[in-house]
PDB file of N, CA and C in Angstrom:
ATOM      1  N   UNK A   1     149.470 313.939  71.170  1.00  0.00           N
ATOM      2  CA  UNK A   1     149.932 315.078  71.942  1.00  0.00           C
ATOM      3  C   UNK A   1     150.522 314.613  73.276  1.00  0.00           C
ATOM      4  N   UNK A   2     149.803 313.757  73.983  1.00  0.00           N
ATOM      5  CA  UNK A   2     150.289 313.260  75.268  1.00  0.00           C
ATOM      6  C   UNK A   2     151.513 312.387  75.076  1.00  0.00           C
ATOM      7  N   UNK A   3     151.535 311.630  73.971  1.00  0.00           N
ATOM      8  CA  UNK A   3     152.696 310.781  73.691  1.00  0.00           C
ATOM      9  C   UNK A   3     153.954 311.619  73.476  1.00  0.00           C
ATOM     10  N   UNK A   4     153.788 312.731  72.757  1.00  0.00           N
ATOM     11  CA  UNK A   4     154.938 313.615  72.511  1.00  0.00           C
ATOM     12  C   UNK A   4     155.457 314.197  73.823  1.00  0.00           C
ATOM     13  N   UNK A   5     154.545 314.587  74.690  1.00  0.00           N
ATOM     14  CA  UNK A   5     154.936 315.158  75.977  1.00  0.00           C
ATOM     15  C   UNK A   5     155.664 314.121  76.834  1.00  0.00           C
ATOM     16  N   UNK A   6     155.165 312.901  76.829  1.00  0.00           N
ATOM     17  CA  UNK A   6     155.816 311.836  77.591  1.00  0.00           C
ATOM     18  C   UNK A   6     157.199 311.525  77.030  1.00  0.00           C
ATOM     19  N   UNK A   7     157.312 311.493  75.708  1.00  0.00           N
ATOM     20  CA  UNK A   7     158.609 311.243  75.087  1.00  0.00           C
ATOM     21  C   UNK A   7     159.593 312.357  75.420  1.00  0.00           C
ATOM     22  N   UNK A   8     159.106 313.589  75.432  1.00  0.00           N
ATOM     23  CA  UNK A   8     159.954 314.731  75.770  1.00  0.00           C
ATOM     24  C   UNK A   8     160.414 314.646  77.223  1.00  0.00           C
ATOM     25  N   UNK A   9     159.506 314.318  78.112  1.00  0.00           N
ATOM     26  CA  UNK A   9     159.863 314.171  79.521  1.00  0.00           C
ATOM     27  C   UNK A   9     160.866 313.035  79.706  1.00  0.00           C
ATOM     28  N   UNK A  10     160.629 311.940  79.010  1.00  0.00           N
ATOM     29  CA  UNK A  10     161.543 310.806  79.099  1.00  0.00           C
ATOM     30  C   UNK A  10     162.936 311.194  78.605  1.00  0.00           C
ATOM     31  N   UNK A  11     162.995 311.945  77.524  1.00  0.00           N
ATOM     32  CA  UNK A  11     164.282 312.393  76.993  1.00  0.00           C
ATOM     33  C   UNK A  11     164.995 313.287  78.004  1.00  0.00           C
ATOM     34  N   UNK A  12     164.265 314.193  78.637  1.00  0.00           N
ATOM     35  CA  UNK A  12     164.861 315.076  79.647  1.00  0.00           C
ATOM     36  C   UNK A  12     165.353 314.271  80.852  1.00  0.00           C
ATOM     37  N   UNK A  13     164.554 313.322  81.299  1.00  0.00           N
ATOM     38  CA  UNK A  13     164.949 312.497  82.441  1.00  0.00           C
ATOM     39  C   UNK A  13     166.160 311.634  82.108  1.00  0.00           C
ATOM     40  N   UNK A  14     166.190 311.091  80.898  1.00  0.00           N
ATOM     41  CA  UNK A  14     167.329 310.285  80.468  1.00  0.00           C
ATOM     42  C   UNK A  14     168.592 311.136  80.458  1.00  0.00           C
ATOM     43  N   UNK A  15     168.501 312.347  79.950  1.00  0.00           N
ATOM     44  CA  UNK A  15     169.650 313.256  79.928  1.00  0.00           C
ATOM     45  C   UNK A  15     170.093 313.597  81.352  1.00  0.00           C
ATOM     46  N   UNK A  16     169.138 313.847  82.230  1.00  0.00           N
ATOM     47  CA  UNK A  16     169.468 314.171  83.620  1.00  0.00           C
ATOM     48  C   UNK A  16     170.180 313.005  84.300  1.00  0.00           C
ATOM     49  N   UNK A  17     169.706 311.789  84.064  1.00  0.00           N
ATOM     50  CA  UNK A  17     170.339 310.603  84.647  1.00  0.00           C
ATOM     51  C   UNK A  17     171.754 310.446  84.104  1.00  0.00           C
ATOM     52  N   UNK A  18     171.933 310.654  82.803  1.00  0.00           N
ATOM     53  CA  UNK A  18     173.271 310.553  82.205  1.00  0.00           C
ATOM     54  C   UNK A  18     174.208 311.608  82.795  1.00  0.00           C
ATOM     55  N   UNK A  19     173.717 312.835  82.937  1.00  0.00           N
ATOM     56  CA  UNK A  19     174.530 313.901  83.525  1.00  0.00           C
ATOM     57  C   UNK A  19     174.922 313.570  84.959  1.00  0.00           C
ATOM     58  N   UNK A  20     173.965 313.085  85.749  1.00  0.00           N
ATOM     59  CA  UNK A  20     174.244 312.733  87.135  1.00  0.00           C
ATOM     60  C   UNK A  20     175.211 311.561  87.227  1.00  0.00           C
ATOM     61  N   UNK A  21     175.085 310.631  86.305  1.00  0.00           N
ATOM     62  CA  UNK A  21     176.000 309.492  86.290  1.00  0.00           C
ATOM     63  C   UNK A  21     177.434 309.962  86.038  1.00  0.00           C
ATOM     64  N   UNK A  22     177.595 310.906  85.128  1.00  0.00           N
ATOM     65  CA  UNK A  22     178.929 311.463  84.862  1.00  0.00           C
ATOM     66  C   UNK A  22     179.478 312.169  86.098  1.00  0.00           C
ATOM     67  N   UNK A  23     178.625 312.906  86.790  1.00  0.00           N
ATOM     68  CA  UNK A  23     179.055 313.611  88.000  1.00  0.00           C
ATOM     69  C   UNK A  23     179.495 312.606  89.059  1.00  0.00           C
ATOM     70  N   UNK A  24     178.718 311.562  89.257  1.00  0.00           N
ATOM     71  CA  UNK A  24     179.053 310.544  90.263  1.00  0.00           C
ATOM     72  C   UNK A  24     180.365 309.856  89.903  1.00  0.00           C
ATOM     73  N   UNK A  25     180.548 309.524  88.637  1.00  0.00           N
ATOM     74  CA  UNK A  25     181.791 308.869  88.212  1.00  0.00           C
ATOM     75  C   UNK A  25     182.989 309.786  88.445  1.00  0.00           C
ATOM     76  N   UNK A  26     182.848 311.057  88.136  1.00  0.00           N
ATOM     77  CA  UNK A  26     183.937 312.016  88.352  1.00  0.00           C
ATOM     78  C   UNK A  26     184.235 312.167  89.852  1.00  0.00           C
ATOM     79  N   UNK A  27     183.195 312.274  90.658  1.00  0.00           N
ATOM     80  CA  UNK A  27     183.391 312.406  92.100  1.00  0.00           C
ATOM     81  C   UNK A  27     184.028 311.153  92.688  1.00  0.00           C
ATOM     82  N   UNK A  28     183.668 309.983  92.186  1.00  0.00           N
ATOM     83  CA  UNK A  28     184.270 308.743  92.656  1.00  0.00           C
ATOM     84  C   UNK A  28     185.767 308.747  92.387  1.00  0.00           C
ATOM     85  N   UNK A  29     186.153 309.197  91.204  1.00  0.00           N
ATOM     86  CA  UNK A  29     187.578 309.267  90.864  1.00  0.00           C
ATOM     87  C   UNK A  29     188.292 310.281  91.762  1.00  0.00           C
ATOM     88  N   UNK A  30     187.669 311.425  92.000  1.00  0.00           N
ATOM     89  CA  UNK A  30     188.263 312.445  92.863  1.00  0.00           C
ATOM     90  C   UNK A  30     188.405 311.936  94.299  1.00  0.00           C
ATOM     91  N   UNK A  31     187.405 311.235  94.791  1.00  0.00           N
ATOM     92  CA  UNK A  31     187.467 310.680  96.145  1.00  0.00           C
ATOM     93  C   UNK A  31     188.597 309.667  96.252  1.00  0.00           C
ATOM     94  N   UNK A  32     188.763 308.848  95.223  1.00  0.00           N
ATOM     95  CA  UNK A  32     189.850 307.864  95.234  1.00  0.00           C
ATOM     96  C   UNK A  32     191.210 308.555  95.297  1.00  0.00           C
ATOM     97  N   UNK A  33     191.390 309.612  94.520  1.00  0.00           N
ATOM     98  CA  UNK A  33     192.657 310.357  94.537  1.00  0.00           C
ATOM     99  C   UNK A  33     192.869 310.984  95.909  1.00  0.00           C
ATOM    100  N   UNK A  34     191.843 311.611  96.447  1.00  0.00           N
ATOM    101  CA  UNK A  34     191.974 312.267  97.750  1.00  0.00           C
ATOM    102  C   UNK A  34     192.237 311.254  98.859  1.00  0.00           C
ATOM    103  N   UNK A  35     191.615 310.094  98.786  1.00  0.00           N
ATOM    104  CA  UNK A  35     191.851 309.047  99.774  1.00  0.00           C
ATOM    105  C   UNK A  35     193.306 308.608  99.744  1.00  0.00           C
ATOM    106  N   UNK A  36     193.838 308.408  98.540  1.00  0.00           N
ATOM    107  CA  UNK A  36     195.252 308.023  98.427  1.00  0.00           C
ATOM    108  C   UNK A  36     196.167 309.113  98.985  1.00  0.00           C
ATOM    109  N   UNK A  37     195.828 310.358  98.722  1.00  0.00           N
ATOM    110  CA  UNK A  37     196.652 311.470  99.229  1.00  0.00           C
ATOM    111  C   UNK A  37     196.617 311.534 100.752  1.00  0.00           C
ATOM    112  N   UNK A  38     195.441 311.351 101.332  1.00  0.00           N
ATOM    113  CA  UNK A  38     195.326 311.369 102.792  1.00  0.00           C
ATOM    114  C   UNK A  38     196.135 310.217 103.394  1.00  0.00           C
ATOM    115  N   UNK A  39     196.028 309.034 102.797  1.00  0.00           N
ATOM    116  CA  UNK A  39     196.794 307.887 103.292  1.00  0.00           C
ATOM    117  C   UNK A  39     198.296 308.170 103.216  1.00  0.00           C
ATOM    118  N   UNK A  40     198.731 308.771 102.103  1.00  0.00           N
ATOM    119  CA  UNK A  40     200.145 309.104 101.940  1.00  0.00           C
ATOM    120  C   UNK A  40     200.587 310.123 102.998  1.00  0.00           C
ATOM    121  N   UNK A  41     199.763 311.137 103.227  1.00  0.00           N
ATOM    122  CA  UNK A  41     200.101 312.148 104.221  1.00  0.00           C
ATOM    123  C   UNK A  41     200.144 311.561 105.628  1.00  0.00           C
ATOM    124  N   UNK A  42     199.213 310.657 105.925  1.00  0.00           N
ATOM    125  CA  UNK A  42     199.213 310.021 107.241  1.00  0.00           C
ATOM    126  C   UNK A  42     200.466 309.174 107.423  1.00  0.00           C
ATOM    127  N   UNK A  43     200.860 308.466 106.381  1.00  0.00           N
ATOM    128  CA  UNK A  43     202.081 307.651 106.451  1.00  0.00           C
ATOM    129  C   UNK A  43     203.308 308.531 106.646  1.00  0.00           C
ATOM    130  N   UNK A  44     203.364 309.621 105.899  1.00  0.00           N
ATOM    131  CA  UNK A  44     204.504 310.549 106.050  1.00  0.00           C
ATOM    132  C   UNK A  44     204.569 311.115 107.462  1.00  0.00           C
ATOM    133  N   UNK A  45     203.414 311.500 108.001  1.00  0.00           N
ATOM    134  CA  UNK A  45     203.387 312.064 109.353  1.00  0.00           C
ATOM    135  C   UNK A  45     203.799 311.020 110.378  1.00  0.00           C
ATOM    136  N   UNK A  46     203.341 309.787 110.201  1.00  0.00           N
ATOM    137  CA  UNK A  46     203.731 308.723 111.123  1.00  0.00           C
ATOM    138  C   UNK A  46     205.242 308.510 111.068  1.00  0.00           C
ATOM    139  N   UNK A  47     205.806 308.501 109.875  1.00  0.00           N
ATOM    140  CA  UNK A  47     207.252 308.336 109.728  1.00  0.00           C
ATOM    141  C   UNK A  47     208.000 309.506 110.356  1.00  0.00           C
ATOM    142  N   UNK A  48     207.457 310.711 110.188  1.00  0.00           N
ATOM    143  CA  UNK A  48     208.086 311.898 110.780  1.00  0.00           C
ATOM    144  C   UNK A  48     208.069 311.814 112.301  1.00  0.00           C
ATOM    145  N   UNK A  49     206.948 311.347 112.861  1.00  0.00           N
ATOM    146  CA  UNK A  49     206.858 311.202 114.317  1.00  0.00           C
ATOM    147  C   UNK A  49     207.862 310.180 114.818  1.00  0.00           C
ATOM    148  N   UNK A  50     208.014 309.083 114.098  1.00  0.00           N
ATOM    149  CA  UNK A  50     208.975 308.060 114.504  1.00  0.00           C
ATOM    150  C   UNK A  50     210.392 308.616 114.428  1.00  0.00           C
ATOM    151  N   UNK A  51     210.694 309.311 113.348  1.00  0.00           N
ATOM    152  CA  UNK A  51     212.033 309.894 113.190  1.00  0.00           C
ATOM    153  C   UNK A  51     212.331 310.922 114.279  1.00  0.00           C
ATOM    154  N   UNK A  52     211.319 311.689 114.669  1.00  0.00           N
ATOM    155  CA  UNK A  52     211.524 312.751 115.653  1.00  0.00           C
ATOM    156  C   UNK A  52     211.626 312.204 117.075  1.00  0.00           C
ATOM    157  N   UNK A  53     210.850 311.169 117.387  1.00  0.00           N
ATOM    158  CA  UNK A  53     210.805 310.720 118.777  1.00  0.00           C
ATOM    159  C   UNK A  53     211.370 309.327 118.985  1.00  0.00           C
ATOM    160  N   UNK A  54     211.450 308.563 117.934  1.00  0.00           N
ATOM    161  CA  UNK A  54     211.945 307.195 118.065  1.00  0.00           C
ATOM    162  C   UNK A  54     210.939 306.253 118.694  1.00  0.00           C
ATOM    163  N   UNK A  55     209.683 306.696 118.830  1.00  0.00           N
ATOM    164  CA  UNK A  55     208.640 305.839 119.412  1.00  0.00           C
ATOM    165  C   UNK A  55     207.518 305.660 118.404  1.00  0.00           C
ATOM    166  N   UNK A  56     206.516 304.884 118.807  1.00  0.00           N
ATOM    167  CA  UNK A  56     205.350 304.713 117.952  1.00  0.00           C
ATOM    168  C   UNK A  56     204.641 306.045 117.752  1.00  0.00           C
ATOM    169  N   UNK A  57     204.114 306.281 116.561  1.00  0.00           N
ATOM    170  CA  UNK A  57     203.319 307.500 116.356  1.00  0.00           C
ATOM    171  C   UNK A  57     202.132 307.515 117.307  1.00  0.00           C
ATOM    172  N   UNK A  58     201.722 308.698 117.715  1.00  0.00           N
ATOM    173  CA  UNK A  58     200.597 308.815 118.654  1.00  0.00           C
ATOM    174  C   UNK A  58     199.344 308.147 118.110  1.00  0.00           C
ATOM    175  N   UNK A  59     199.141 308.210 116.815  1.00  0.00           N
ATOM    176  CA  UNK A  59     197.948 307.594 116.236  1.00  0.00           C
ATOM    177  C   UNK A  59     197.931 306.091 116.407  1.00  0.00           C
ATOM    178  N   UNK A  60     199.109 305.471 116.564  1.00  0.00           N
ATOM    179  CA  UNK A  60     199.192 304.021 116.711  1.00  0.00           C
ATOM    180  C   UNK A  60     199.297 303.568 118.162  1.00  0.00           C
ATOM    181  N   UNK A  61     199.370 304.499 119.099  1.00  0.00           N
ATOM    182  CA  UNK A  61     199.477 304.157 120.502  1.00  0.00           C
ATOM    183  C   UNK A  61     198.096 304.009 121.123  1.00  0.00           C
ATOM    184  N   UNK A  62     197.963 303.055 122.037  1.00  0.00           N
ATOM    185  CA  UNK A  62     196.710 302.917 122.762  1.00  0.00           C
ATOM    186  C   UNK A  62     196.648 303.987 123.839  1.00  0.00           C
ATOM    187  N   UNK A  63     195.468 304.508 124.125  1.00  0.00           N
ATOM    188  CA  UNK A  63     195.345 305.480 125.204  1.00  0.00           C
ATOM    189  C   UNK A  63     195.749 304.830 126.532  1.00  0.00           C
ATOM    190  N   UNK A  64     196.230 305.630 127.490  1.00  0.00           N
ATOM    191  CA  UNK A  64     196.713 305.068 128.746  1.00  0.00           C
ATOM    192  C   UNK A  64     195.669 304.290 129.548  1.00  0.00           C
ATOM    193  N   UNK A  65     194.393 304.604 129.363  1.00  0.00           N
ATOM    194  CA  UNK A  65     193.365 303.915 130.152  1.00  0.00           C
ATOM    195  C   UNK A  65     193.013 302.549 129.568  1.00  0.00           C
ATOM    196  N   UNK A  66     193.660 302.086 128.514  1.00  0.00           N
ATOM    197  CA  UNK A  66     193.378 300.768 127.926  1.00  0.00           C
ATOM    198  C   UNK A  66     194.231 299.754 128.546  1.00  0.00           C
TER     199      UNK A  66
END
């Protein structure tokens, strides 16, 4: 009786770990896509700032007190 209960619990825990692993893998892929998109948007904005002002983008400039 106790063995059956332990096996059942183990099966549930194994399923939970597998489900969580799938979630983590999916989130990792989504984070990678979003990171690439943010990098692309930052590059586009930097290029737009250069085109508009002809100077370094503000993100690449050192603050005046440096």
